[in-house]
Protein backbone atom coordinates (compact mmCIF):
# COMPACT_ATOMS: atom_id res chain seq x y z
CA MET A 1 -70.16 -19.57 4.56
CA GLU A 2 -66.40 -19.52 3.90
CA LYS A 3 -66.54 -22.99 2.31
CA ILE A 4 -69.32 -21.95 -0.06
CA ILE A 5 -67.25 -18.94 -1.16
CA LEU A 6 -64.20 -21.16 -1.65
CA PHE A 7 -66.15 -23.72 -3.70
CA SER A 8 -67.67 -20.93 -5.76
CA LYS A 9 -64.19 -19.68 -6.62
CA ILE A 10 -62.92 -23.18 -7.42
CA PHE A 11 -65.86 -24.04 -9.69
CA SER A 12 -65.96 -20.65 -11.42
CA ASP A 13 -63.33 -21.87 -13.91
CA LYS A 14 -64.46 -24.15 -16.76
CA ASN A 15 -61.18 -26.08 -16.81
CA ARG A 16 -61.39 -26.83 -13.07
CA LEU A 17 -65.01 -27.87 -13.52
CA ASP A 18 -64.06 -30.22 -16.37
CA ILE A 19 -61.16 -31.67 -14.38
CA PHE A 20 -63.38 -32.22 -11.35
CA ALA A 21 -66.12 -33.78 -13.50
CA LEU A 22 -63.58 -36.13 -15.10
CA ILE A 23 -62.34 -37.26 -11.69
CA LEU A 24 -65.91 -37.60 -10.46
CA ARG A 25 -66.80 -39.80 -13.44
CA ASP A 26 -63.63 -41.93 -13.62
CA LYS A 27 -62.89 -42.07 -9.86
CA GLN A 28 -59.05 -41.99 -10.11
CA VAL A 29 -57.01 -40.25 -12.78
CA CYS A 30 -53.43 -39.15 -13.16
CA VAL A 31 -52.27 -35.79 -14.47
CA CYS A 32 -51.30 -37.15 -17.89
CA GLU A 33 -54.79 -38.66 -18.35
CA ILE A 34 -56.39 -35.32 -17.55
CA CYS A 35 -54.02 -33.47 -19.91
CA ASP A 36 -54.56 -35.90 -22.78
CA THR A 37 -58.33 -36.21 -22.32
CA LEU A 38 -59.08 -32.51 -21.97
CA ASN A 39 -56.25 -31.23 -24.21
CA LEU A 40 -54.82 -29.04 -21.47
CA SER A 41 -51.17 -28.35 -20.65
CA GLN A 42 -49.55 -30.16 -17.73
CA PRO A 43 -48.63 -26.95 -15.83
CA LEU A 44 -52.23 -25.68 -16.11
CA VAL A 45 -53.71 -28.99 -14.94
CA SER A 46 -51.24 -29.24 -12.06
CA ARG A 47 -52.08 -25.72 -10.90
CA HIS A 48 -55.83 -26.45 -10.95
CA LEU A 49 -55.35 -29.77 -9.14
CA LYS A 50 -53.25 -28.07 -6.46
CA GLN A 51 -56.00 -25.51 -5.84
CA MET A 52 -58.64 -28.21 -5.52
CA ARG A 53 -56.42 -30.36 -3.29
CA GLU A 54 -55.65 -27.42 -0.99
CA ALA A 55 -59.40 -26.67 -0.77
CA GLY A 56 -59.98 -30.24 0.43
CA ILE A 57 -61.99 -31.17 -2.66
CA LEU A 58 -59.50 -33.71 -4.04
CA GLN A 59 -56.90 -36.01 -2.59
CA SER A 60 -53.79 -37.36 -4.24
CA SER A 61 -51.69 -40.48 -3.88
CA GLN A 62 -48.38 -41.55 -5.35
CA GLU A 63 -48.36 -44.63 -7.59
CA GLY A 64 -44.79 -45.12 -8.70
CA LYS A 65 -43.81 -41.93 -10.50
CA TRP A 66 -47.45 -40.96 -11.13
CA VAL A 67 -49.67 -38.88 -8.89
CA VAL A 68 -53.28 -40.08 -8.98
CA TYR A 69 -56.16 -37.80 -7.99
CA SER A 70 -59.54 -38.77 -6.59
CA LEU A 71 -62.40 -37.20 -4.70
CA GLY A 72 -61.54 -36.41 -1.10
CA GLU A 73 -62.62 -38.96 1.51
CA ASP A 74 -64.25 -36.49 3.89
CA ILE A 75 -66.72 -34.72 1.65
CA GLU A 76 -67.74 -31.36 3.03
CA PRO A 77 -71.55 -31.11 3.30
CA ALA A 78 -71.49 -27.87 1.28
CA LEU A 79 -69.68 -29.74 -1.53
CA LYS A 80 -72.36 -32.43 -1.89
CA CYS A 81 -74.68 -30.03 -3.73
CA TRP A 82 -71.89 -29.13 -6.19
CA ILE A 83 -71.13 -32.82 -6.77
CA LYS A 84 -74.76 -33.61 -7.50
CA GLU A 85 -75.00 -30.86 -10.12
CA ILE A 86 -71.62 -31.56 -11.74
CA ALA A 87 -72.44 -35.29 -11.97
CA LYS A 88 -75.30 -34.42 -14.32
CA HIS A 89 -72.79 -33.14 -16.86
CA THR A 90 -70.15 -35.88 -16.86
CA SER A 91 -71.63 -37.65 -19.88
CA GLY A 92 -70.60 -34.71 -22.08
CA LEU A 93 -66.91 -35.23 -21.32
CA PRO A 94 -64.63 -36.98 -23.79
CA LYS A 95 -63.67 -40.60 -23.19
CA LEU A 96 -60.72 -40.92 -20.83
CA VAL A 97 -57.38 -41.23 -22.63
CA ALA A 98 -55.61 -43.68 -20.35
CA CYS A 99 -51.88 -43.44 -19.82
CA SER A 100 -49.62 -46.44 -19.48
CA LYS A 101 -48.68 -46.53 -15.80
CA LEU A 102 -46.51 -49.60 -16.25
């Protein structure tokens, strides 16, 4: 029950929902891609990503000086229902604005 409450809190914010949906659709994205695609500030995006990472929803990896986020490897059974519903709405997101990670 605690996980359901946690996921409800995480997905009660439209920005977090959009960020999650973007990662769900594009598999791996860095902070700058999220900021540029969704027109959100870097501190706001970083705060939302931290909350989702701490909840075990997302994982992060370092690629040079960029941090790339993706869906967690061990998907909580309670999260699968959320993923299924959010996936239905990914087509309404703007096209990913890719950064140059060179």
